[in-house]
Amino acid sequence: MSETDIRHPCGSLNSFEVTLSTSFGCPYEGPVAPSAVLTAAERSLAAGAAAVALADTIGTGIPS
């Protein structure tokens, strides 16, 4: 799905937020590269997202 696919149905009077749910680790693919998260966040903002949240849905984002 491209940025224009997301932006068009929402129109100018609506807004949306994006949650990147496995920003730190994926149960199927393992660790997630920070560059991949940044790319997804940038694409979301370019598509018109009002906000981007980074989530750790499986508990792998342990601070060191």
N, C-alpha and C. Protein backbone atom coordinates (compact mmCIF):
# COMPACT_ATOMS: atom_id res chain seq x y z
N MET A 1 0.85 -1.17 0.00
CA MET A 1 0.00 0.00 0.00
C MET A 1 0.89 1.23 0.00
N SER A 2 0.60 2.16 -0.85
CA SER A 2 1.41 3.37 -0.93
C SER A 2 0.86 4.45 -0.01
N GLU A 3 1.64 5.51 0.15
CA GLU A 3 1.21 6.62 0.99
C GLU A 3 -0.08 7.24 0.47
N THR A 4 -0.23 7.32 -0.86
CA THR A 4 -1.44 7.93 -1.41
C THR A 4 -2.65 7.04 -1.19
N ASP A 5 -2.47 5.73 -1.12
CA ASP A 5 -3.59 4.84 -0.83
C ASP A 5 -4.16 5.11 0.55
N ILE A 6 -3.31 5.45 1.50
CA ILE A 6 -3.76 5.72 2.86
C ILE A 6 -4.36 7.11 2.95
N ARG A 7 -3.72 8.09 2.37
CA ARG A 7 -4.13 9.49 2.51
C ARG A 7 -5.48 9.76 1.85
N HIS A 8 -5.72 9.23 0.68
CA HIS A 8 -6.93 9.55 -0.07
C HIS A 8 -8.23 9.21 0.67
N PRO A 9 -8.42 8.00 1.19
CA PRO A 9 -9.70 7.68 1.85
C PRO A 9 -9.93 8.51 3.11
N CYS A 10 -8.87 8.95 3.76
CA CYS A 10 -9.03 9.71 4.99
C CYS A 10 -9.47 11.13 4.73
N GLY A 11 -9.14 11.66 3.58
CA GLY A 11 -9.51 13.03 3.27
C GLY A 11 -8.78 14.03 4.15
N SER A 12 -9.07 15.30 3.94
CA SER A 12 -8.35 16.34 4.68
C SER A 12 -8.96 16.61 6.06
N LEU A 13 -10.18 16.15 6.32
CA LEU A 13 -10.82 16.44 7.60
C LEU A 13 -10.59 15.34 8.64
N ASN A 14 -10.00 14.26 8.23
CA ASN A 14 -9.74 13.14 9.13
C ASN A 14 -8.25 13.02 9.40
N SER A 15 -7.93 12.41 10.52
CA SER A 15 -6.52 12.14 10.81
C SER A 15 -6.41 10.70 11.29
N PHE A 16 -5.19 10.20 11.25
CA PHE A 16 -4.96 8.84 11.72
C PHE A 16 -3.62 8.78 12.42
N GLU A 17 -3.49 7.82 13.30
CA GLU A 17 -2.24 7.56 13.99
C GLU A 17 -1.79 6.15 13.65
N VAL A 18 -0.50 5.92 13.72
CA VAL A 18 0.09 4.62 13.39
C VAL A 18 0.81 4.08 14.61
N THR A 19 0.59 2.80 14.90
CA THR A 19 1.35 2.11 15.94
C THR A 19 2.17 1.02 15.27
N LEU A 20 3.48 1.08 15.45
CA LEU A 20 4.37 0.04 14.94
C LEU A 20 4.52 -0.97 16.07
N SER A 21 3.77 -2.05 15.98
CA SER A 21 3.56 -2.92 17.13
C SER A 21 4.73 -3.83 17.50
N THR A 22 5.59 -4.15 16.60
CA THR A 22 6.76 -4.97 16.95
C THR A 22 8.03 -4.20 16.61
N SER A 23 8.16 -3.04 17.21
CA SER A 23 9.27 -2.14 16.90
C SER A 23 10.63 -2.63 17.38
N PHE A 24 10.64 -3.54 18.32
CA PHE A 24 11.91 -3.98 18.92
C PHE A 24 12.22 -5.44 18.63
N GLY A 25 11.19 -6.25 18.45
CA GLY A 25 11.40 -7.66 18.16
C GLY A 25 10.13 -8.28 17.61
N CYS A 26 10.30 -9.19 16.68
CA CYS A 26 9.18 -9.86 16.03
C CYS A 26 9.17 -11.33 16.46
N PRO A 27 8.01 -11.87 16.80
CA PRO A 27 7.97 -13.27 17.21
C PRO A 27 8.33 -14.24 16.09
N TYR A 28 8.28 -13.79 14.86
CA TYR A 28 8.57 -14.67 13.72
C TYR A 28 9.97 -14.44 13.13
N GLU A 29 10.44 -13.19 13.15
CA GLU A 29 11.70 -12.87 12.50
C GLU A 29 12.81 -12.45 13.46
N GLY A 30 12.50 -12.33 14.75
CA GLY A 30 13.53 -11.97 15.73
C GLY A 30 13.70 -10.47 15.87
N PRO A 31 14.92 -10.03 16.20
CA PRO A 31 15.17 -8.61 16.41
C PRO A 31 14.82 -7.78 15.17
N VAL A 32 14.35 -6.57 15.41
CA VAL A 32 13.99 -5.66 14.32
C VAL A 32 15.04 -4.56 14.25
N ALA A 33 15.57 -4.34 13.07
CA ALA A 33 16.60 -3.32 12.88
C ALA A 33 16.03 -1.93 13.12
N PRO A 34 16.72 -1.09 13.88
CA PRO A 34 16.25 0.28 14.09
C PRO A 34 16.02 1.02 12.77
N SER A 35 16.82 0.74 11.76
CA SER A 35 16.63 1.41 10.47
C SER A 35 15.30 1.03 9.83
N ALA A 36 14.84 -0.20 10.04
CA ALA A 36 13.54 -0.62 9.50
C ALA A 36 12.40 0.11 10.21
N VAL A 37 12.55 0.30 11.52
CA VAL A 37 11.54 1.03 12.30
C VAL A 37 11.50 2.48 11.85
N LEU A 38 12.67 3.09 11.68
CA LEU A 38 12.75 4.48 11.24
C LEU A 38 12.12 4.64 9.86
N THR A 39 12.39 3.73 8.96
CA THR A 39 11.82 3.79 7.62
C THR A 39 10.29 3.71 7.67
N ALA A 40 9.77 2.79 8.47
CA ALA A 40 8.32 2.65 8.60
C ALA A 40 7.70 3.90 9.22
N ALA A 41 8.37 4.47 10.21
CA ALA A 41 7.87 5.70 10.84
C ALA A 41 7.88 6.86 9.85
N GLU A 42 8.95 7.00 9.10
CA GLU A 42 9.04 8.07 8.11
C GLU A 42 7.98 7.93 7.04
N ARG A 43 7.73 6.71 6.58
CA ARG A 43 6.70 6.48 5.57
C ARG A 43 5.32 6.80 6.12
N SER A 44 5.10 6.46 7.38
CA SER A 44 3.81 6.76 8.01
C SER A 44 3.57 8.26 8.09
N LEU A 45 4.60 9.00 8.50
CA LEU A 45 4.48 10.45 8.59
C LEU A 45 4.30 11.07 7.20
N ALA A 46 5.02 10.54 6.22
CA ALA A 46 4.88 11.03 4.85
C ALA A 46 3.48 10.79 4.30
N ALA A 47 2.83 9.73 4.79
CA ALA A 47 1.47 9.41 4.36
C ALA A 47 0.43 10.26 5.08
N GLY A 48 0.88 11.08 6.03
CA GLY A 48 -0.03 11.98 6.71
C GLY A 48 -0.41 11.60 8.12
N ALA A 49 0.26 10.61 8.69
CA ALA A 49 -0.07 10.22 10.06
C ALA A 49 0.15 11.39 11.00
N ALA A 50 -0.79 11.56 11.94
CA ALA A 50 -0.67 12.63 12.93
C ALA A 50 0.36 12.27 14.00
N ALA A 51 0.55 10.97 14.21
CA ALA A 51 1.50 10.50 15.23
C ALA A 51 1.92 9.08 14.90
N VAL A 52 3.10 8.71 15.39
CA VAL A 52 3.61 7.35 15.25
C VAL A 52 4.03 6.89 16.64
N ALA A 53 3.50 5.74 17.07
CA ALA A 53 3.85 5.16 18.37
C ALA A 53 4.68 3.91 18.13
N LEU A 54 5.71 3.74 18.94
CA LEU A 54 6.52 2.52 18.89
C LEU A 54 6.08 1.64 20.04
N ALA A 55 5.69 0.42 19.73
CA ALA A 55 5.19 -0.49 20.75
C ALA A 55 6.05 -1.74 20.84
N ASP A 56 6.02 -2.34 22.01
CA ASP A 56 6.77 -3.57 22.28
C ASP A 56 5.77 -4.64 22.70
N THR A 57 5.02 -5.14 21.73
CA THR A 57 3.91 -6.03 22.05
C THR A 57 4.33 -7.40 22.57
N ILE A 58 5.58 -7.81 22.34
CA ILE A 58 5.99 -9.13 22.83
C ILE A 58 7.05 -9.07 23.91
N GLY A 59 7.38 -7.85 24.37
CA GLY A 59 8.28 -7.70 25.50
C GLY A 59 9.75 -7.92 25.24
N THR A 60 10.22 -7.56 24.06
CA THR A 60 11.64 -7.76 23.76
C THR A 60 12.46 -6.49 23.89
N GLY A 61 11.82 -5.35 24.08
CA GLY A 61 12.53 -4.07 24.16
C GLY A 61 13.01 -3.80 25.59
N ILE A 62 14.05 -4.49 26.00
CA ILE A 62 14.58 -4.36 27.35
C ILE A 62 15.71 -3.35 27.34
N PRO A 63 15.54 -2.23 28.06
CA PRO A 63 16.62 -1.24 28.08
C PRO A 63 17.88 -1.78 28.75
N SER A 64 19.01 -1.32 28.28
CA SER A 64 20.27 -1.78 28.89
C SER A 64 20.92 -0.64 29.63
